[in-house]
Amino acid sequence: MNTTGHFITAKVLINPQWSVEEGKQALETYCQKMRQEVGCTQALALQDNIQPRCFILWEHYESQSAHQQHFTQSHTHEFINAGWVSLVEVVETTVY
């Protein structure tokens, strides 16, 4: 279990132009690419049991700067620009 670092919890909804299965696959691919980033030790997409279009992304970065570096990655830009999801809420936490 990670007890230090920078944690992100993001609630997203798959946009209506995509099926749940298409969105789920896109999220899994995105998480796989995130896990390959330097400083990212966890990236999971968890599907809501009641609202199938709703997912929680759990991400862990070794530092806040590693999280900021995430936004410079081409796969991040591609995922955002494709319009797979709408961001509902983000919570950033740090363990010291």
C-alpha atoms as a PDB file:
ATOM      1  CA  MET A   1       0.000   0.000   0.000  1.00  0.00           C
ATOM      2  CA  ASN A   2       1.236   3.494  -0.862  1.00  0.00           C
ATOM      3  CA  THR A   3       1.572   5.573   2.273  1.00  0.00           C
ATOM      4  CA  THR A   4       3.315   8.605   0.789  1.00  0.00           C
ATOM      5  CA  GLY A   5       2.893  10.640  -2.354  1.00  0.00           C
ATOM      6  CA  HIS A   6       0.140  12.394  -4.252  1.00  0.00           C
ATOM      7  CA  PHE A   7      -3.255  10.739  -4.751  1.00  0.00           C
ATOM      8  CA  ILE A   8      -5.969  11.603  -7.273  1.00  0.00           C
ATOM      9  CA  THR A   9      -9.560  10.437  -7.113  1.00  0.00           C
ATOM     10  CA  ALA A  10     -11.576  11.511 -10.152  1.00  0.00           C
ATOM     11  CA  LYS A  11     -15.221  10.822 -10.904  1.00  0.00           C
ATOM     12  CA  VAL A  12     -15.965  10.659 -14.641  1.00  0.00           C
ATOM     13  CA  LEU A  13     -18.961   9.785 -16.798  1.00  0.00           C
ATOM     14  CA  ILE A  14     -18.678   8.106 -20.183  1.00  0.00           C
ATOM     15  CA  ASN A  15     -20.123  10.519 -22.721  1.00  0.00           C
ATOM     16  CA  PRO A  16     -23.374   9.446 -24.426  1.00  0.00           C
ATOM     17  CA  GLN A  17     -21.894   9.101 -27.926  1.00  0.00           C
ATOM     18  CA  TRP A  18     -19.907   6.076 -26.678  1.00  0.00           C
ATOM     19  CA  SER A  19     -21.217   2.750 -25.451  1.00  0.00           C
ATOM     20  CA  VAL A  20     -20.318   1.712 -21.916  1.00  0.00           C
ATOM     21  CA  GLU A  21     -18.065  -1.022 -23.305  1.00  0.00           C
ATOM     22  CA  GLU A  22     -16.243   1.411 -25.630  1.00  0.00           C
ATOM     23  CA  GLY A  23     -15.708   3.843 -22.766  1.00  0.00           C
ATOM     24  CA  LYS A  24     -14.594   1.104 -20.421  1.00  0.00           C
ATOM     25  CA  GLN A  25     -11.981  -0.078 -22.938  1.00  0.00           C
ATOM     26  CA  ALA A  26     -10.770   3.496 -23.500  1.00  0.00           C
ATOM     27  CA  LEU A  27     -10.398   4.025 -19.745  1.00  0.00           C
ATOM     28  CA  GLU A  28      -8.485   0.766 -19.312  1.00  0.00           C
ATOM     29  CA  THR A  29      -6.111   1.660 -22.153  1.00  0.00           C
ATOM     30  CA  TYR A  30      -5.623   5.122 -20.667  1.00  0.00           C
ATOM     31  CA  CYS A  31      -4.870   3.662 -17.230  1.00  0.00           C
ATOM     32  CA  GLN A  32      -2.341   1.246 -18.739  1.00  0.00           C
ATOM     33  CA  LYS A  33      -0.535   4.173 -20.372  1.00  0.00           C
ATOM     34  CA  MET A  34      -0.626   6.187 -17.134  1.00  0.00           C
ATOM     35  CA  ARG A  35       0.974   3.312 -15.235  1.00  0.00           C
ATOM     36  CA  GLN A  36       3.922   3.530 -17.635  1.00  0.00           C
ATOM     37  CA  GLU A  37       4.577   7.182 -16.750  1.00  0.00           C
ATOM     38  CA  VAL A  38       7.583   7.979 -14.602  1.00  0.00           C
ATOM     39  CA  GLY A  39       6.295   8.647 -11.087  1.00  0.00           C
ATOM     40  CA  CYS A  40       2.854   7.032 -11.536  1.00  0.00           C
ATOM     41  CA  THR A  41       2.566   3.916  -9.390  1.00  0.00           C
ATOM     42  CA  GLN A  42      -1.180   3.333  -9.664  1.00  0.00           C
ATOM     43  CA  ALA A  43      -3.948   4.080 -12.157  1.00  0.00           C
ATOM     44  CA  LEU A  44      -7.219   2.183 -11.836  1.00  0.00           C
ATOM     45  CA  ALA A  45     -10.673   2.699 -13.342  1.00  0.00           C
ATOM     46  CA  LEU A  46     -13.448   1.434 -11.077  1.00  0.00           C
ATOM     47  CA  GLN A  47     -16.969   1.093 -12.494  1.00  0.00           C
ATOM     48  CA  ASP A  48     -19.955   2.112 -10.373  1.00  0.00           C
ATOM     49  CA  ASN A  49     -22.200  -0.890  -9.642  1.00  0.00           C
ATOM     50  CA  ILE A  50     -25.408   1.126  -9.993  1.00  0.00           C
ATOM     51  CA  GLN A  51     -24.543   3.699 -12.681  1.00  0.00           C
ATOM     52  CA  PRO A  52     -22.559   1.817 -15.352  1.00  0.00           C
ATOM     53  CA  ARG A  53     -21.477   5.018 -17.170  1.00  0.00           C
ATOM     54  CA  CYS A  54     -19.859   6.310 -13.967  1.00  0.00           C
ATOM     55  CA  PHE A  55     -16.231   5.488 -13.139  1.00  0.00           C
ATOM     56  CA  ILE A  56     -13.831   6.456 -10.379  1.00  0.00           C
ATOM     57  CA  LEU A  57     -10.196   6.862 -11.393  1.00  0.00           C
ATOM     58  CA  TRP A  58      -7.707   6.176  -8.626  1.00  0.00           C
ATOM     59  CA  GLU A  59      -4.231   7.438  -9.351  1.00  0.00           C
ATOM     60  CA  HIS A  60      -1.084   7.585  -7.246  1.00  0.00           C
ATOM     61  CA  TYR A  61       1.980   9.625  -8.097  1.00  0.00           C
ATOM     62  CA  GLU A  62       5.261   9.734  -6.227  1.00  0.00           C
ATOM     63  CA  SER A  63       4.944  13.529  -6.038  1.00  0.00           C
ATOM     64  CA  GLN A  64       2.770  16.432  -7.088  1.00  0.00           C
ATOM     65  CA  SER A  65       5.313  17.275  -9.796  1.00  0.00           C
ATOM     66  CA  ALA A  66       4.924  13.742 -11.243  1.00  0.00           C
ATOM     67  CA  HIS A  67       1.181  14.372 -11.384  1.00  0.00           C
ATOM     68  CA  GLN A  68       1.748  17.684 -13.169  1.00  0.00           C
ATOM     69  CA  GLN A  69       4.030  15.905 -15.655  1.00  0.00           C
ATOM     70  CA  HIS A  70       1.098  13.596 -16.446  1.00  0.00           C
ATOM     71  CA  PHE A  71      -0.644  16.507 -18.180  1.00  0.00           C
ATOM     72  CA  THR A  72       2.244  16.924 -20.641  1.00  0.00           C
ATOM     73  CA  GLN A  73       1.927  13.346 -21.939  1.00  0.00           C
ATOM     74  CA  SER A  74       0.570  12.785 -25.464  1.00  0.00           C
ATOM     75  CA  HIS A  75      -1.751   9.982 -24.312  1.00  0.00           C
ATOM     76  CA  THR A  76      -3.354  12.364 -21.807  1.00  0.00           C
ATOM     77  CA  HIS A  77      -3.997  14.959 -24.511  1.00  0.00           C
ATOM     78  CA  GLU A  78      -5.337  12.281 -26.873  1.00  0.00           C
ATOM     79  CA  PHE A  79      -7.702  10.875 -24.235  1.00  0.00           C
ATOM     80  CA  ILE A  80      -9.049  14.305 -23.280  1.00  0.00           C
ATOM     81  CA  ASN A  81      -9.429  15.471 -26.885  1.00  0.00           C
ATOM     82  CA  ALA A  82     -11.263  12.280 -27.906  1.00  0.00           C
ATOM     83  CA  GLY A  83     -14.122  13.228 -25.569  1.00  0.00           C
ATOM     84  CA  TRP A  84     -14.501   9.823 -23.968  1.00  0.00           C
ATOM     85  CA  VAL A  85     -15.622  11.175 -20.606  1.00  0.00           C
ATOM     86  CA  SER A  86     -16.908  14.202 -18.765  1.00  0.00           C
ATOM     87  CA  LEU A  87     -15.135  15.076 -15.550  1.00  0.00           C
ATOM     88  CA  VAL A  88     -17.526  15.344 -12.610  1.00  0.00           C
ATOM     89  CA  GLU A  89     -15.173  15.846  -9.664  1.00  0.00           C
ATOM     90  CA  VAL A  90     -11.496  15.608  -8.726  1.00  0.00           C
ATOM     91  CA  VAL A  91     -10.048  15.264  -5.235  1.00  0.00           C
ATOM     92  CA  GLU A  92      -6.292  15.641  -4.759  1.00  0.00           C
ATOM     93  CA  THR A  93      -4.733  14.451  -1.531  1.00  0.00           C
ATOM     94  CA  THR A  94      -1.183  14.160  -0.263  1.00  0.00           C
ATOM     95  CA  VAL A  95       0.136  11.894   2.470  1.00  0.00           C
ATOM     96  CA  TYR A  96       3.061  13.338   4.433  1.00  0.00           C
END
